[in-house]
């Protein structure tokens, strides 16, 4: 199943944070407006979202563009390293 990923970016005293990662199943992915990834199961999707929360909960960014680019790059790297990973995942 193909998913469109999204998250919330919120300003804070220490910088911008990323949280509330979500994956919405889609038949019409839009990589220009976000990040697209494919998961074999809901369990794999849920585990991945937990990993995102763990990775980005403590991080802070100076601006929203930096936050988006960093999260997107992390996801793209993840997709190429996972078993059977397709380097096209994350930016189809």
C-alpha atoms as a PDB file:
ATOM      1  CA  UNK A   1       0.000   0.000   0.000  1.00  0.00           C
ATOM      2  CA  UNK A   2       1.266   3.480  -0.854  1.00  0.00           C
ATOM      3  CA  UNK A   3       1.071   6.181   1.807  1.00  0.00           C
ATOM      4  CA  UNK A   4       1.380   9.948   1.825  1.00  0.00           C
ATOM      5  CA  UNK A   5       3.303  10.978   4.939  1.00  0.00           C
ATOM      6  CA  UNK A   6       2.650  14.108   6.903  1.00  0.00           C
ATOM      7  CA  UNK A   7       3.549  15.649  10.241  1.00  0.00           C
ATOM      8  CA  UNK A   8       3.028  18.720  12.351  1.00  0.00           C
ATOM      9  CA  UNK A   9       5.701  21.388  12.723  1.00  0.00           C
ATOM     10  CA  UNK A  10       5.320  23.665  15.706  1.00  0.00           C
ATOM     11  CA  UNK A  11       7.386  26.647  16.838  1.00  0.00           C
ATOM     12  CA  UNK A  12       8.838  26.651  20.335  1.00  0.00           C
ATOM     13  CA  UNK A  13      11.356  28.474  22.476  1.00  0.00           C
ATOM     14  CA  UNK A  14      14.134  26.104  21.394  1.00  0.00           C
ATOM     15  CA  UNK A  15      13.140  26.008  17.723  1.00  0.00           C
ATOM     16  CA  UNK A  16      10.690  24.221  15.460  1.00  0.00           C
ATOM     17  CA  UNK A  17       9.701  20.684  16.367  1.00  0.00           C
ATOM     18  CA  UNK A  18       8.230  17.886  14.256  1.00  0.00           C
ATOM     19  CA  UNK A  19       5.630  15.541  15.718  1.00  0.00           C
ATOM     20  CA  UNK A  20       2.328  13.796  15.085  1.00  0.00           C
ATOM     21  CA  UNK A  21       3.671  11.813  12.151  1.00  0.00           C
ATOM     22  CA  UNK A  22       0.936  10.217  10.093  1.00  0.00           C
ATOM     23  CA  UNK A  23       0.552   8.055   7.000  1.00  0.00           C
ATOM     24  CA  UNK A  24      -2.554   8.240   4.836  1.00  0.00           C
ATOM     25  CA  UNK A  25      -3.210   5.527   2.280  1.00  0.00           C
ATOM     26  CA  UNK A  26      -3.467   6.959  -1.225  1.00  0.00           C
ATOM     27  CA  UNK A  27      -3.953   5.855  -4.790  1.00  0.00           C
ATOM     28  CA  UNK A  28      -2.731   9.234  -6.072  1.00  0.00           C
ATOM     29  CA  UNK A  29       0.558  10.024  -4.284  1.00  0.00           C
ATOM     30  CA  UNK A  30       1.836  13.586  -4.501  1.00  0.00           C
ATOM     31  CA  UNK A  31       5.590  13.616  -3.860  1.00  0.00           C
ATOM     32  CA  UNK A  32       5.750  17.317  -4.759  1.00  0.00           C
ATOM     33  CA  UNK A  33       3.570  18.203  -1.774  1.00  0.00           C
ATOM     34  CA  UNK A  34       4.994  15.711   0.689  1.00  0.00           C
ATOM     35  CA  UNK A  35       6.679  12.392   1.157  1.00  0.00           C
ATOM     36  CA  UNK A  36       5.448   9.121  -0.326  1.00  0.00           C
ATOM     37  CA  UNK A  37       6.379   5.645   0.894  1.00  0.00           C
ATOM     38  CA  UNK A  38       5.137   2.100   0.441  1.00  0.00           C
ATOM     39  CA  UNK A  39       4.567  -0.375   3.287  1.00  0.00           C
ATOM     40  CA  UNK A  40       3.758  -4.060   3.026  1.00  0.00           C
ATOM     41  CA  UNK A  41       1.498  -4.013   6.099  1.00  0.00           C
ATOM     42  CA  UNK A  42      -0.161  -1.773   8.658  1.00  0.00           C
ATOM     43  CA  UNK A  43       2.209  -3.159  11.297  1.00  0.00           C
ATOM     44  CA  UNK A  44       5.226  -2.050   9.243  1.00  0.00           C
ATOM     45  CA  UNK A  45       3.644   1.401   8.802  1.00  0.00           C
ATOM     46  CA  UNK A  46       2.912   1.749  12.526  1.00  0.00           C
ATOM     47  CA  UNK A  47       6.459   0.716  13.485  1.00  0.00           C
ATOM     48  CA  UNK A  48       7.885   3.223  11.033  1.00  0.00           C
ATOM     49  CA  UNK A  49       5.767   6.050  12.475  1.00  0.00           C
ATOM     50  CA  UNK A  50       7.027   5.157  15.966  1.00  0.00           C
ATOM     51  CA  UNK A  51      10.616   5.337  14.672  1.00  0.00           C
ATOM     52  CA  UNK A  52       9.948   8.804  13.229  1.00  0.00           C
ATOM     53  CA  UNK A  53       8.545  10.048  16.544  1.00  0.00           C
ATOM     54  CA  UNK A  54      11.549   8.637  18.416  1.00  0.00           C
ATOM     55  CA  UNK A  55      14.045  10.124  15.974  1.00  0.00           C
ATOM     56  CA  UNK A  56      12.544  13.596  15.747  1.00  0.00           C
ATOM     57  CA  UNK A  57      10.963  14.206  19.173  1.00  0.00           C
ATOM     58  CA  UNK A  58      14.185  15.668  20.645  1.00  0.00           C
ATOM     59  CA  UNK A  59      15.281  17.571  17.523  1.00  0.00           C
ATOM     60  CA  UNK A  60      14.714  21.268  16.900  1.00  0.00           C
ATOM     61  CA  UNK A  61      15.087  23.208  13.658  1.00  0.00           C
ATOM     62  CA  UNK A  62      15.667  26.843  12.821  1.00  0.00           C
ATOM     63  CA  UNK A  63      12.994  26.985  10.110  1.00  0.00           C
ATOM     64  CA  UNK A  64      10.188  24.901   8.596  1.00  0.00           C
ATOM     65  CA  UNK A  65      12.034  24.268   5.326  1.00  0.00           C
ATOM     66  CA  UNK A  66      15.001  22.796   7.199  1.00  0.00           C
ATOM     67  CA  UNK A  67      12.650  20.615   9.238  1.00  0.00           C
ATOM     68  CA  UNK A  68      10.853  19.315   6.132  1.00  0.00           C
ATOM     69  CA  UNK A  69      14.074  18.660   4.213  1.00  0.00           C
ATOM     70  CA  UNK A  70      15.667  16.844   7.160  1.00  0.00           C
ATOM     71  CA  UNK A  71      12.661  14.601   7.767  1.00  0.00           C
ATOM     72  CA  UNK A  72      12.329  13.856   4.043  1.00  0.00           C
ATOM     73  CA  UNK A  73      16.039  12.982   3.746  1.00  0.00           C
ATOM     74  CA  UNK A  74      15.810  10.703   6.788  1.00  0.00           C
ATOM     75  CA  UNK A  75      12.846   8.887   5.256  1.00  0.00           C
ATOM     76  CA  UNK A  76      14.610   8.500   1.914  1.00  0.00           C
ATOM     77  CA  UNK A  77      17.687   7.086   3.636  1.00  0.00           C
ATOM     78  CA  UNK A  78      15.499   4.700   5.627  1.00  0.00           C
ATOM     79  CA  UNK A  79      13.806   3.376   2.489  1.00  0.00           C
ATOM     80  CA  UNK A  80      17.095   2.567   0.782  1.00  0.00           C
ATOM     81  CA  UNK A  81      18.445   0.736   3.846  1.00  0.00           C
ATOM     82  CA  UNK A  82      15.452  -1.418   4.691  1.00  0.00           C
ATOM     83  CA  UNK A  83      15.344  -5.000   3.374  1.00  0.00           C
ATOM     84  CA  UNK A  84      14.147  -4.900  -0.209  1.00  0.00           C
ATOM     85  CA  UNK A  85      14.283  -1.123  -0.045  1.00  0.00           C
ATOM     86  CA  UNK A  86      13.650   0.754  -3.231  1.00  0.00           C
ATOM     87  CA  UNK A  87      15.650   3.964  -3.586  1.00  0.00           C
ATOM     88  CA  UNK A  88      12.639   5.444  -5.368  1.00  0.00           C
ATOM     89  CA  UNK A  89      10.486   5.124  -2.211  1.00  0.00           C
ATOM     90  CA  UNK A  90      10.183   8.397  -0.404  1.00  0.00           C
ATOM     91  CA  UNK A  91      10.246  10.485  -3.572  1.00  0.00           C
ATOM     92  CA  UNK A  92       8.157   8.765  -6.242  1.00  0.00           C
END
